[in-house]
Amino acid sequence: MDGRILCVSERVYRALLVVYPKEFRDAYGPQMVQAFGDLCRESVERGGSTGLIALWIRTLVNLASTAVVERVRRHAGIERLSAKDRKMAGVGFVALSTPLFFVAASLLKYGLGVGLLFDPLDRALMSDPERLRVFNLVSPVVFLGGLGLALLLNVYAVLRFNLSREDGTIVSTVRVEMKLANIVVVVVSSLLLGTLVGYFFLENFAYRP
């Protein structure tokens, strides 16, 4: 009878662990079930059914309190992480604003013949040889550096890397977080980066007969 009671107690306890967050259960669930089983056997050996009932009362109180703490802690961690990811998206949008303006102005000017954005830039910077020289030196650093920063920050926000050891082997996993703002920054930064690299390559290395 004691064996059946202990088996049922372990099964019930294992089912009750659902009150904890999944990550907590995955990390500590098996050890907690094993420890509870050992406590059950000790309690029955020392106090019989009364000892087991007393253990269950303590266990239920402990489960209720610690589960609430773990869920609150996990929720707070997710909120902090979400706020951090939103900040990365904001920094990314600011960093890509200058190259985005330049690419949009250039496409409108040379693609559609609309100089609304490009002509003021042309008059302010490119009409003067000295200013043009400075622009040609500084613009690659500003444009490519800003896009690189936006891309790296938001790739970090979207991708989650994890290293673990399994049977003596180090296993790496990558999980993609579907965060719209960060993904938009990654996509726009990648497109602009490819466009600007192609532009600078054509301007500096293209063959002109």
N, C-alpha and C. Protein backbone atom coordinates (compact mmCIF):
# COMPACT_ATOMS: atom_id res chain seq x y z
N MET A 1 0.83 -1.21 0.00
CA MET A 1 0.00 0.00 0.00
C MET A 1 0.87 1.26 0.00
N ASP A 2 1.95 1.23 0.86
CA ASP A 2 2.81 2.41 0.93
C ASP A 2 3.44 2.71 -0.43
N GLY A 3 3.82 1.63 -1.16
CA GLY A 3 4.41 1.81 -2.47
C GLY A 3 3.45 2.48 -3.43
N ARG A 4 2.18 2.08 -3.41
CA ARG A 4 1.18 2.69 -4.28
C ARG A 4 0.95 4.15 -3.91
N ILE A 5 0.89 4.42 -2.61
CA ILE A 5 0.69 5.80 -2.15
C ILE A 5 1.85 6.69 -2.59
N LEU A 6 3.07 6.18 -2.45
CA LEU A 6 4.23 6.96 -2.84
C LEU A 6 4.23 7.22 -4.35
N CYS A 7 3.86 6.19 -5.13
CA CYS A 7 3.82 6.34 -6.59
C CYS A 7 2.78 7.38 -7.01
N VAL A 8 1.60 7.31 -6.37
CA VAL A 8 0.55 8.28 -6.67
C VAL A 8 0.98 9.68 -6.27
N SER A 9 1.63 9.80 -5.12
CA SER A 9 2.09 11.11 -4.63
C SER A 9 3.07 11.74 -5.62
N GLU A 10 4.00 10.93 -6.13
CA GLU A 10 4.96 11.46 -7.08
C GLU A 10 4.28 11.92 -8.36
N ARG A 11 3.30 11.13 -8.83
CA ARG A 11 2.59 11.50 -10.06
C ARG A 11 1.80 12.80 -9.87
N VAL A 12 1.14 12.92 -8.73
CA VAL A 12 0.38 14.14 -8.46
C VAL A 12 1.32 15.34 -8.37
N TYR A 13 2.44 15.14 -7.68
CA TYR A 13 3.41 16.24 -7.54
C TYR A 13 3.96 16.65 -8.91
N ARG A 14 4.28 15.67 -9.75
CA ARG A 14 4.78 15.97 -11.10
C ARG A 14 3.75 16.77 -11.90
N ALA A 15 2.48 16.41 -11.75
CA ALA A 15 1.42 17.14 -12.45
C ALA A 15 1.28 18.56 -11.92
N LEU A 16 1.49 18.75 -10.62
CA LEU A 16 1.34 20.07 -10.02
C LEU A 16 2.45 21.03 -10.43
N LEU A 17 3.55 20.49 -10.92
CA LEU A 17 4.66 21.37 -11.33
C LEU A 17 4.29 22.25 -12.52
N VAL A 18 3.13 21.99 -13.12
CA VAL A 18 2.69 22.83 -14.24
C VAL A 18 2.48 24.28 -13.81
N VAL A 19 2.36 24.52 -12.51
CA VAL A 19 2.18 25.90 -12.03
C VAL A 19 3.45 26.73 -12.25
N TYR A 20 4.59 26.08 -12.47
CA TYR A 20 5.84 26.80 -12.72
C TYR A 20 5.97 27.12 -14.21
N PRO A 21 6.75 28.14 -14.56
CA PRO A 21 7.03 28.39 -15.99
C PRO A 21 7.72 27.20 -16.63
N LYS A 22 7.52 27.03 -17.93
CA LYS A 22 8.05 25.86 -18.64
C LYS A 22 9.57 25.77 -18.53
N GLU A 23 10.26 26.91 -18.67
CA GLU A 23 11.72 26.89 -18.59
C GLU A 23 12.18 26.41 -17.22
N PHE A 24 11.46 26.82 -16.17
CA PHE A 24 11.80 26.38 -14.82
C PHE A 24 11.58 24.88 -14.68
N ARG A 25 10.45 24.38 -15.22
CA ARG A 25 10.16 22.94 -15.14
C ARG A 25 11.22 22.13 -15.89
N ASP A 26 11.59 22.60 -17.07
CA ASP A 26 12.59 21.87 -17.86
C ASP A 26 13.93 21.79 -17.13
N ALA A 27 14.28 22.88 -16.45
CA ALA A 27 15.59 22.93 -15.79
C ALA A 27 15.61 22.17 -14.46
N TYR A 28 14.53 22.28 -13.67
CA TYR A 28 14.56 21.75 -12.30
C TYR A 28 13.51 20.68 -12.01
N GLY A 29 12.57 20.46 -12.95
CA GLY A 29 11.48 19.52 -12.70
C GLY A 29 11.92 18.13 -12.28
N PRO A 30 12.80 17.45 -13.05
CA PRO A 30 13.20 16.08 -12.66
C PRO A 30 13.84 16.00 -11.28
N GLN A 31 14.71 16.97 -10.96
CA GLN A 31 15.35 16.96 -9.64
C GLN A 31 14.33 17.19 -8.53
N MET A 32 13.34 18.07 -8.78
CA MET A 32 12.31 18.34 -7.78
C MET A 32 11.45 17.11 -7.53
N VAL A 33 11.09 16.38 -8.59
CA VAL A 33 10.29 15.16 -8.43
C VAL A 33 11.08 14.11 -7.67
N GLN A 34 12.37 13.97 -7.99
CA GLN A 34 13.20 12.99 -7.28
C GLN A 34 13.33 13.35 -5.81
N ALA A 35 13.55 14.64 -5.53
CA ALA A 35 13.68 15.07 -4.14
C ALA A 35 12.37 14.86 -3.39
N PHE A 36 11.24 15.14 -4.03
CA PHE A 36 9.94 14.94 -3.38
C PHE A 36 9.70 13.46 -3.10
N GLY A 37 10.09 12.60 -4.04
CA GLY A 37 9.94 11.16 -3.80
C GLY A 37 10.74 10.70 -2.60
N ASP A 38 11.97 11.20 -2.46
CA ASP A 38 12.79 10.83 -1.30
C ASP A 38 12.15 11.31 0.00
N LEU A 39 11.62 12.56 -0.03
CA LEU A 39 10.95 13.10 1.16
C LEU A 39 9.71 12.28 1.51
N CYS A 40 8.98 11.84 0.50
CA CYS A 40 7.78 11.01 0.75
C CYS A 40 8.16 9.72 1.47
N ARG A 41 9.19 9.05 1.01
CA ARG A 41 9.60 7.79 1.63
C ARG A 41 10.05 8.01 3.07
N GLU A 42 10.82 9.07 3.29
CA GLU A 42 11.27 9.38 4.65
C GLU A 42 10.08 9.70 5.56
N SER A 43 9.13 10.47 5.04
CA SER A 43 7.97 10.86 5.85
C SER A 43 7.13 9.64 6.22
N VAL A 44 6.94 8.72 5.27
CA VAL A 44 6.15 7.51 5.56
C VAL A 44 6.88 6.62 6.56
N GLU A 45 8.20 6.51 6.40
CA GLU A 45 8.98 5.68 7.32
C GLU A 45 8.94 6.23 8.73
N ARG A 46 8.94 7.54 8.87
CA ARG A 46 8.99 8.15 10.20
C ARG A 46 7.60 8.33 10.82
N GLY A 47 6.65 8.77 9.99
CA GLY A 47 5.34 9.10 10.58
C GLY A 47 4.15 8.44 9.96
N GLY A 48 4.39 7.55 8.97
CA GLY A 48 3.28 6.89 8.33
C GLY A 48 2.43 7.86 7.53
N SER A 49 1.13 7.62 7.50
CA SER A 49 0.21 8.47 6.74
C SER A 49 0.20 9.90 7.26
N THR A 50 0.31 10.06 8.59
CA THR A 50 0.32 11.40 9.18
C THR A 50 1.52 12.20 8.68
N GLY A 51 2.68 11.55 8.63
CA GLY A 51 3.88 12.21 8.14
C GLY A 51 3.75 12.62 6.68
N LEU A 52 3.10 11.76 5.87
CA LEU A 52 2.91 12.07 4.46
C LEU A 52 1.95 13.25 4.28
N ILE A 53 0.89 13.28 5.09
CA ILE A 53 -0.07 14.39 5.01
C ILE A 53 0.61 15.71 5.38
N ALA A 54 1.44 15.66 6.45
CA ALA A 54 2.15 16.88 6.86
C ALA A 54 3.10 17.35 5.75
N LEU A 55 3.75 16.39 5.08
CA LEU A 55 4.65 16.75 3.98
C LEU A 55 3.86 17.40 2.85
N TRP A 56 2.69 16.88 2.53
CA TRP A 56 1.89 17.44 1.46
C TRP A 56 1.43 18.86 1.78
N ILE A 57 1.09 19.11 3.05
CA ILE A 57 0.67 20.46 3.43
C ILE A 57 1.81 21.45 3.21
N ARG A 58 3.01 21.07 3.67
CA ARG A 58 4.18 21.94 3.47
C ARG A 58 4.49 22.12 1.99
N THR A 59 4.36 21.05 1.23
CA THR A 59 4.68 21.09 -0.19
C THR A 59 3.72 22.00 -0.95
N LEU A 60 2.43 21.90 -0.66
CA LEU A 60 1.45 22.72 -1.35
C LEU A 60 1.65 24.21 -1.05
N VAL A 61 1.95 24.52 0.21
CA VAL A 61 2.23 25.92 0.56
C VAL A 61 3.46 26.41 -0.19
N ASN A 62 4.50 25.57 -0.23
CA ASN A 62 5.74 25.94 -0.92
C ASN A 62 5.51 26.10 -2.42
N LEU A 63 4.73 25.19 -3.02
CA LEU A 63 4.44 25.28 -4.45
C LEU A 63 3.72 26.58 -4.79
N ALA A 64 2.72 26.92 -3.99
CA ALA A 64 1.93 28.12 -4.26
C ALA A 64 2.79 29.38 -4.20
N SER A 65 3.65 29.46 -3.19
CA SER A 65 4.45 30.68 -3.01
C SER A 65 5.57 30.79 -4.04
N THR A 66 6.31 29.69 -4.24
CA THR A 66 7.45 29.76 -5.16
C THR A 66 7.00 29.87 -6.62
N ALA A 67 5.86 29.27 -6.98
CA ALA A 67 5.37 29.36 -8.35
C ALA A 67 5.01 30.80 -8.69
N VAL A 68 4.38 31.49 -7.75
CA VAL A 68 4.03 32.90 -7.97
C VAL A 68 5.30 33.72 -8.17
N VAL A 69 6.31 33.48 -7.33
CA VAL A 69 7.57 34.22 -7.43
C VAL A 69 8.22 33.99 -8.78
N GLU A 70 8.28 32.73 -9.23
CA GLU A 70 8.93 32.42 -10.51
C GLU A 70 8.19 33.03 -11.69
N ARG A 71 6.86 33.01 -11.65
CA ARG A 71 6.09 33.58 -12.77
C ARG A 71 6.23 35.11 -12.80
N VAL A 72 6.23 35.75 -11.63
CA VAL A 72 6.42 37.20 -11.58
C VAL A 72 7.82 37.55 -12.08
N ARG A 73 8.81 36.77 -11.66
CA ARG A 73 10.19 37.02 -12.09
C ARG A 73 10.33 36.85 -13.60
N ARG A 74 9.71 35.80 -14.13
CA ARG A 74 9.79 35.57 -15.58
C ARG A 74 9.09 36.70 -16.34
N HIS A 75 7.91 37.12 -15.84
CA HIS A 75 7.18 38.21 -16.52
C HIS A 75 8.00 39.49 -16.50
N ALA A 76 8.63 39.79 -15.36
CA ALA A 76 9.45 41.00 -15.26
C ALA A 76 10.64 40.92 -16.21
N GLY A 77 11.24 39.70 -16.32
CA GLY A 77 12.36 39.53 -17.23
C GLY A 77 11.95 39.73 -18.67
N ILE A 78 10.78 39.22 -19.06
CA ILE A 78 10.29 39.40 -20.42
C ILE A 78 10.02 40.87 -20.71
N GLU A 79 9.44 41.58 -19.72
CA GLU A 79 9.16 43.01 -19.91
C GLU A 79 10.46 43.79 -20.11
N ARG A 80 11.48 43.47 -19.31
CA ARG A 80 12.76 44.17 -19.46
C ARG A 80 13.38 43.87 -20.82
N LEU A 81 13.28 42.59 -21.24
CA LEU A 81 13.84 42.21 -22.52
C LEU A 81 13.11 42.90 -23.67
N SER A 82 11.78 42.99 -23.57
CA SER A 82 10.99 43.64 -24.62
C SER A 82 11.34 45.12 -24.71
N ALA A 83 11.50 45.78 -23.55
CA ALA A 83 11.87 47.19 -23.54
C ALA A 83 13.25 47.39 -24.17
N LYS A 84 14.16 46.47 -23.88
CA LYS A 84 15.51 46.55 -24.45
C LYS A 84 15.45 46.38 -25.96
N ASP A 85 14.64 45.43 -26.44
CA ASP A 85 14.51 45.21 -27.88
C ASP A 85 13.89 46.42 -28.58
N ARG A 86 12.91 47.06 -27.92
CA ARG A 86 12.31 48.26 -28.50
C ARG A 86 13.33 49.39 -28.60
N LYS A 87 14.19 49.51 -27.60
CA LYS A 87 15.24 50.53 -27.66
C LYS A 87 16.20 50.25 -28.81
N MET A 88 16.54 48.98 -29.02
CA MET A 88 17.42 48.63 -30.13
C MET A 88 16.78 48.98 -31.46
N ALA A 89 15.47 48.74 -31.59
CA ALA A 89 14.77 49.11 -32.81
C ALA A 89 14.79 50.62 -33.01
N GLY A 90 14.59 51.38 -31.93
CA GLY A 90 14.63 52.83 -32.02
C GLY A 90 15.99 53.35 -32.44
N VAL A 91 17.05 52.80 -31.83
CA VAL A 91 18.41 53.19 -32.23
C VAL A 91 18.67 52.83 -33.68
N GLY A 92 18.15 51.67 -34.09
CA GLY A 92 18.32 51.23 -35.48
C GLY A 92 17.67 52.18 -36.46
N PHE A 93 16.43 52.61 -36.16
CA PHE A 93 15.74 53.55 -37.05
C PHE A 93 16.50 54.88 -37.15
N VAL A 94 17.05 55.35 -36.03
CA VAL A 94 17.81 56.60 -36.06
C VAL A 94 19.10 56.43 -36.88
N ALA A 95 19.77 55.28 -36.68
CA ALA A 95 21.04 55.05 -37.36
C ALA A 95 20.87 54.92 -38.87
N LEU A 96 19.74 54.37 -39.32
CA LEU A 96 19.57 54.20 -40.76
C LEU A 96 18.84 55.37 -41.43
N SER A 97 18.47 56.39 -40.65
CA SER A 97 17.71 57.51 -41.22
C SER A 97 18.55 58.29 -42.25
N THR A 98 19.83 58.53 -41.95
CA THR A 98 20.67 59.30 -42.88
C THR A 98 20.92 58.55 -44.18
N PRO A 99 21.39 57.29 -44.13
CA PRO A 99 21.55 56.57 -45.41
C PRO A 99 20.24 56.35 -46.15
N LEU A 100 19.14 56.20 -45.41
CA LEU A 100 17.83 56.05 -46.06
C LEU A 100 17.47 57.31 -46.83
N PHE A 101 17.73 58.47 -46.23
CA PHE A 101 17.45 59.74 -46.91
C PHE A 101 18.29 59.86 -48.18
N PHE A 102 19.58 59.52 -48.08
CA PHE A 102 20.48 59.65 -49.23
C PHE A 102 20.05 58.71 -50.36
N VAL A 103 19.73 57.47 -50.03
CA VAL A 103 19.32 56.51 -51.06
C VAL A 103 18.00 56.94 -51.69
N ALA A 104 17.04 57.38 -50.87
CA ALA A 104 15.75 57.82 -51.40
C ALA A 104 15.92 59.03 -52.31
N ALA A 105 16.75 59.99 -51.86
CA ALA A 105 16.98 61.18 -52.68
C ALA A 105 17.65 60.83 -54.00
N SER A 106 18.62 59.90 -53.96
CA SER A 106 19.33 59.51 -55.18
C SER A 106 18.41 58.76 -56.14
N LEU A 107 17.57 57.86 -55.61
CA LEU A 107 16.65 57.11 -56.46
C LEU A 107 15.62 58.04 -57.11
N LEU A 108 15.12 59.00 -56.32
CA LEU A 108 14.15 59.94 -56.89
C LEU A 108 14.81 60.79 -57.99
N LYS A 109 16.04 61.22 -57.75
CA LYS A 109 16.73 62.10 -58.69
C LYS A 109 17.08 61.37 -59.98
N TYR A 110 17.77 60.24 -59.85
CA TYR A 110 18.29 59.56 -61.03
C TYR A 110 17.33 58.51 -61.61
N GLY A 111 16.34 58.11 -60.81
CA GLY A 111 15.38 57.15 -61.31
C GLY A 111 14.13 57.79 -61.89
N LEU A 112 13.65 58.84 -61.21
CA LEU A 112 12.41 59.48 -61.64
C LEU A 112 12.60 60.92 -62.09
N GLY A 113 13.80 61.46 -61.92
CA GLY A 113 14.05 62.84 -62.31
C GLY A 113 13.48 63.87 -61.35
N VAL A 114 13.18 63.44 -60.12
CA VAL A 114 12.62 64.35 -59.11
C VAL A 114 13.75 64.75 -58.16
N GLY A 115 14.13 66.00 -58.20
CA GLY A 115 15.26 66.45 -57.40
C GLY A 115 14.88 67.13 -56.11
N LEU A 116 13.65 66.92 -55.63
CA LEU A 116 13.17 67.60 -54.43
C LEU A 116 14.08 67.39 -53.23
N LEU A 117 14.57 66.17 -53.05
CA LEU A 117 15.43 65.87 -51.92
C LEU A 117 16.91 65.99 -52.26
N PHE A 118 17.26 65.64 -53.48
CA PHE A 118 18.68 65.57 -53.83
C PHE A 118 19.28 66.93 -54.17
N ASP A 119 18.51 67.79 -54.82
CA ASP A 119 19.05 69.08 -55.27
C ASP A 119 19.57 69.95 -54.12
N PRO A 120 18.84 70.08 -53.00
CA PRO A 120 19.42 70.86 -51.88
C PRO A 120 20.72 70.26 -51.37
N LEU A 121 20.80 68.94 -51.35
CA LEU A 121 22.04 68.28 -50.94
C LEU A 121 23.14 68.56 -51.95
N ASP A 122 22.80 68.55 -53.21
CA ASP A 122 23.78 68.82 -54.26
C ASP A 122 24.33 70.24 -54.15
N ARG A 123 23.43 71.19 -53.93
CA ARG A 123 23.87 72.60 -53.82
C ARG A 123 24.69 72.83 -52.56
N ALA A 124 24.33 72.18 -51.48
CA ALA A 124 25.01 72.43 -50.21
C ALA A 124 26.38 71.76 -50.12
N LEU A 125 26.52 70.58 -50.73
CA LEU A 125 27.75 69.81 -50.53
C LEU A 125 28.53 69.58 -51.82
N MET A 126 27.86 69.17 -52.87
CA MET A 126 28.56 68.64 -54.02
C MET A 126 28.98 69.69 -55.03
N SER A 127 28.47 70.89 -54.90
CA SER A 127 28.86 71.95 -55.83
C SER A 127 30.22 72.54 -55.48
N ASP A 128 30.63 72.40 -54.24
CA ASP A 128 31.93 72.91 -53.80
C ASP A 128 32.92 71.74 -53.76
N PRO A 129 34.06 71.84 -54.46
CA PRO A 129 35.02 70.72 -54.51
C PRO A 129 35.54 70.30 -53.13
N GLU A 130 35.78 71.27 -52.26
CA GLU A 130 36.30 70.95 -50.93
C GLU A 130 35.25 70.21 -50.11
N ARG A 131 34.03 70.73 -50.16
CA ARG A 131 32.95 70.05 -49.43
C ARG A 131 32.68 68.66 -50.01
N LEU A 132 32.77 68.55 -51.31
CA LEU A 132 32.55 67.25 -51.95
C LEU A 132 33.61 66.24 -51.52
N ARG A 133 34.86 66.72 -51.41
CA ARG A 133 35.94 65.83 -50.97
C ARG A 133 35.69 65.33 -49.55
N VAL A 134 35.26 66.26 -48.67
CA VAL A 134 34.95 65.87 -47.29
C VAL A 134 33.77 64.90 -47.24
N PHE A 135 32.77 65.21 -48.07
CA PHE A 135 31.59 64.33 -48.13
C PHE A 135 31.96 62.92 -48.56
N ASN A 136 32.83 62.83 -49.58
CA ASN A 136 33.24 61.52 -50.08
C ASN A 136 34.06 60.75 -49.05
N LEU A 137 34.77 61.48 -48.19
CA LEU A 137 35.54 60.80 -47.14
C LEU A 137 34.67 60.37 -45.96
N VAL A 138 33.74 61.25 -45.58
CA VAL A 138 32.96 61.01 -44.37
C VAL A 138 31.74 60.13 -44.62
N SER A 139 31.10 60.29 -45.77
CA SER A 139 29.82 59.61 -46.01
C SER A 139 29.91 58.09 -45.91
N PRO A 140 30.97 57.43 -46.44
CA PRO A 140 31.01 55.97 -46.28
C PRO A 140 31.03 55.53 -44.82
N VAL A 141 31.77 56.28 -43.99
CA VAL A 141 31.85 55.94 -42.57
C VAL A 141 30.49 56.13 -41.89
N VAL A 142 29.85 57.28 -42.18
CA VAL A 142 28.56 57.57 -41.56
C VAL A 142 27.49 56.59 -42.03
N PHE A 143 27.40 56.41 -43.34
CA PHE A 143 26.35 55.56 -43.90
C PHE A 143 26.55 54.09 -43.52
N LEU A 144 27.73 53.57 -43.84
CA LEU A 144 27.98 52.15 -43.60
C LEU A 144 28.08 51.85 -42.10
N GLY A 145 28.65 52.78 -41.35
CA GLY A 145 28.73 52.57 -39.90
C GLY A 145 27.36 52.57 -39.25
N GLY A 146 26.50 53.52 -39.65
CA GLY A 146 25.16 53.56 -39.10
C GLY A 146 24.35 52.32 -39.45
N LEU A 147 24.45 51.90 -40.71
CA LEU A 147 23.72 50.70 -41.13
C LEU A 147 24.26 49.46 -40.43
N GLY A 148 25.58 49.38 -40.29
CA GLY A 148 26.16 48.23 -39.60
C GLY A 148 25.71 48.16 -38.15
N LEU A 149 25.68 49.32 -37.48
CA LEU A 149 25.22 49.37 -36.10
C LEU A 149 23.76 48.94 -35.98
N ALA A 150 22.91 49.49 -36.86
CA ALA A 150 21.49 49.14 -36.84
C ALA A 150 21.29 47.65 -37.09
N LEU A 151 22.05 47.11 -38.03
CA LEU A 151 21.91 45.70 -38.38
C LEU A 151 22.36 44.80 -37.24
N LEU A 152 23.51 45.08 -36.65
CA LEU A 152 24.03 44.23 -35.58
C LEU A 152 23.13 44.25 -34.35
N LEU A 153 22.69 45.43 -33.94
CA LEU A 153 21.85 45.54 -32.75
C LEU A 153 20.55 44.76 -32.92
N ASN A 154 19.95 44.86 -34.08
CA ASN A 154 18.64 44.25 -34.26
C ASN A 154 18.71 42.78 -34.65
N VAL A 155 19.82 42.35 -35.25
CA VAL A 155 20.04 40.91 -35.40
C VAL A 155 20.18 40.27 -34.03
N TYR A 156 20.90 40.96 -33.13
CA TYR A 156 21.04 40.46 -31.76
C TYR A 156 19.68 40.36 -31.07
N ALA A 157 18.78 41.32 -31.34
CA ALA A 157 17.46 41.29 -30.72
C ALA A 157 16.58 40.19 -31.29
N VAL A 158 16.76 39.88 -32.57
CA VAL A 158 15.89 38.88 -33.22
C VAL A 158 16.38 37.46 -32.98
N LEU A 159 17.70 37.26 -32.96
CA LEU A 159 18.26 35.92 -32.80
C LEU A 159 18.67 35.68 -31.35
N ARG A 160 18.34 34.51 -30.86
CA ARG A 160 18.73 34.10 -29.51
C ARG A 160 19.64 32.88 -29.62
N PHE A 161 20.89 33.04 -29.16
CA PHE A 161 21.86 31.96 -29.22
C PHE A 161 21.93 31.27 -27.85
N ASN A 162 22.07 29.95 -27.87
CA ASN A 162 22.17 29.20 -26.63
C ASN A 162 23.19 28.09 -26.79
N LEU A 163 24.08 27.97 -25.81
CA LEU A 163 25.06 26.90 -25.78
C LEU A 163 24.75 25.99 -24.61
N SER A 164 24.76 24.68 -24.86
CA SER A 164 24.50 23.71 -23.79
C SER A 164 25.39 22.49 -24.00
N ARG A 165 25.55 21.73 -22.95
CA ARG A 165 26.35 20.51 -23.02
C ARG A 165 25.43 19.31 -22.92
N GLU A 166 25.51 18.42 -23.90
CA GLU A 166 24.69 17.21 -23.94
C GLU A 166 25.60 16.02 -24.21
N ASP A 167 25.67 15.11 -23.23
CA ASP A 167 26.48 13.89 -23.35
C ASP A 167 27.93 14.21 -23.71
N GLY A 168 28.46 15.24 -23.06
CA GLY A 168 29.85 15.60 -23.28
C GLY A 168 30.10 16.42 -24.53
N THR A 169 29.05 16.75 -25.27
CA THR A 169 29.19 17.53 -26.50
C THR A 169 28.54 18.89 -26.32
N ILE A 170 29.22 19.94 -26.77
CA ILE A 170 28.66 21.29 -26.71
C ILE A 170 27.74 21.49 -27.91
N VAL A 171 26.49 21.81 -27.63
CA VAL A 171 25.48 21.98 -28.67
C VAL A 171 25.05 23.44 -28.69
N SER A 172 25.05 24.05 -29.86
CA SER A 172 24.60 25.43 -30.02
C SER A 172 23.27 25.45 -30.77
N THR A 173 22.36 26.26 -30.30
CA THR A 173 21.07 26.40 -30.95
C THR A 173 20.79 27.89 -31.19
N VAL A 174 20.04 28.16 -32.24
CA VAL A 174 19.66 29.53 -32.60
C VAL A 174 18.14 29.58 -32.70
N ARG A 175 17.53 30.51 -31.96
CA ARG A 175 16.08 30.68 -32.01
C ARG A 175 15.76 32.06 -32.54
N VAL A 176 14.82 32.15 -33.47
CA VAL A 176 14.43 33.42 -34.07
C VAL A 176 13.21 33.96 -33.33
N GLU A 177 13.32 35.18 -32.81
CA GLU A 177 12.21 35.84 -32.13
C GLU A 177 11.49 36.73 -33.15
N MET A 178 10.19 36.52 -33.32
CA MET A 178 9.43 37.28 -34.31
C MET A 178 9.01 38.63 -33.73
N LYS A 179 9.94 39.59 -33.78
CA LYS A 179 9.69 40.94 -33.27
C LYS A 179 9.68 41.88 -34.46
N LEU A 180 8.49 42.39 -34.78
CA LEU A 180 8.27 43.09 -36.04
C LEU A 180 9.19 44.28 -36.22
N ALA A 181 9.29 45.16 -35.21
CA ALA A 181 10.09 46.38 -35.36
C ALA A 181 11.55 46.04 -35.62
N ASN A 182 12.10 45.07 -34.87
CA ASN A 182 13.49 44.69 -35.05
C ASN A 182 13.71 44.03 -36.42
N ILE A 183 12.75 43.21 -36.85
CA ILE A 183 12.87 42.56 -38.16
C ILE A 183 12.83 43.59 -39.27
N VAL A 184 11.97 44.60 -39.15
CA VAL A 184 11.90 45.67 -40.16
C VAL A 184 13.24 46.38 -40.27
N VAL A 185 13.86 46.69 -39.12
CA VAL A 185 15.16 47.37 -39.14
C VAL A 185 16.21 46.48 -39.81
N VAL A 186 16.19 45.18 -39.50
CA VAL A 186 17.16 44.25 -40.11
C VAL A 186 16.98 44.21 -41.63
N VAL A 187 15.74 44.09 -42.09
CA VAL A 187 15.48 44.01 -43.54
C VAL A 187 15.88 45.31 -44.24
N VAL A 188 15.43 46.46 -43.70
CA VAL A 188 15.73 47.75 -44.33
C VAL A 188 17.23 48.01 -44.31
N SER A 189 17.89 47.71 -43.20
CA SER A 189 19.34 47.92 -43.11
C SER A 189 20.08 47.06 -44.11
N SER A 190 19.65 45.80 -44.27
CA SER A 190 20.31 44.90 -45.23
C SER A 190 20.16 45.42 -46.66
N LEU A 191 18.94 45.86 -47.01
CA LEU A 191 18.71 46.37 -48.36
C LEU A 191 19.53 47.64 -48.62
N LEU A 192 19.52 48.55 -47.65
CA LEU A 192 20.28 49.79 -47.83
C LEU A 192 21.78 49.52 -47.88
N LEU A 193 22.23 48.58 -47.05
CA LEU A 193 23.66 48.25 -47.04
C LEU A 193 24.09 47.70 -48.39
N GLY A 194 23.27 46.79 -48.96
CA GLY A 194 23.58 46.27 -50.29
C GLY A 194 23.56 47.35 -51.35
N THR A 195 22.58 48.25 -51.25
CA THR A 195 22.48 49.35 -52.23
C THR A 195 23.68 50.28 -52.17
N LEU A 196 24.08 50.66 -50.94
CA LEU A 196 25.20 51.60 -50.79
C LEU A 196 26.53 50.95 -51.18
N VAL A 197 26.72 49.70 -50.82
CA VAL A 197 27.96 49.02 -51.21
C VAL A 197 28.05 48.94 -52.72
N GLY A 198 26.92 48.62 -53.38
CA GLY A 198 26.92 48.60 -54.84
C GLY A 198 27.19 49.97 -55.43
N TYR A 199 26.61 51.01 -54.82
CA TYR A 199 26.80 52.37 -55.31
C TYR A 199 28.27 52.79 -55.20
N PHE A 200 28.87 52.57 -54.02
CA PHE A 200 30.27 52.97 -53.84
C PHE A 200 31.19 52.15 -54.75
N PHE A 201 30.86 50.88 -54.96
CA PHE A 201 31.68 50.05 -55.84
C PHE A 201 31.63 50.56 -57.28
N LEU A 202 30.42 50.87 -57.73
CA LEU A 202 30.28 51.36 -59.11
C LEU A 202 30.94 52.72 -59.29
N GLU A 203 30.82 53.57 -58.25
CA GLU A 203 31.41 54.91 -58.36
C GLU A 203 32.93 54.87 -58.38
N ASN A 204 33.52 53.91 -57.67
CA ASN A 204 34.98 53.91 -57.52
C ASN A 204 35.71 52.88 -58.38
N PHE A 205 35.01 51.81 -58.77
CA PHE A 205 35.72 50.74 -59.48
C PHE A 205 35.12 50.41 -60.85
N ALA A 206 34.01 51.01 -61.17
CA ALA A 206 33.40 50.70 -62.47
C ALA A 206 34.28 51.23 -63.60
N TYR A 207 34.33 50.44 -64.68
CA TYR A 207 35.16 50.85 -65.84
C TYR A 207 34.43 51.94 -66.64
N ARG A 208 35.15 53.03 -66.89
CA ARG A 208 34.60 54.12 -67.67
C ARG A 208 35.49 54.36 -68.89
N PRO A 209 35.03 54.01 -70.07
CA PRO A 209 35.87 54.19 -71.28
C PRO A 209 36.09 55.66 -71.58
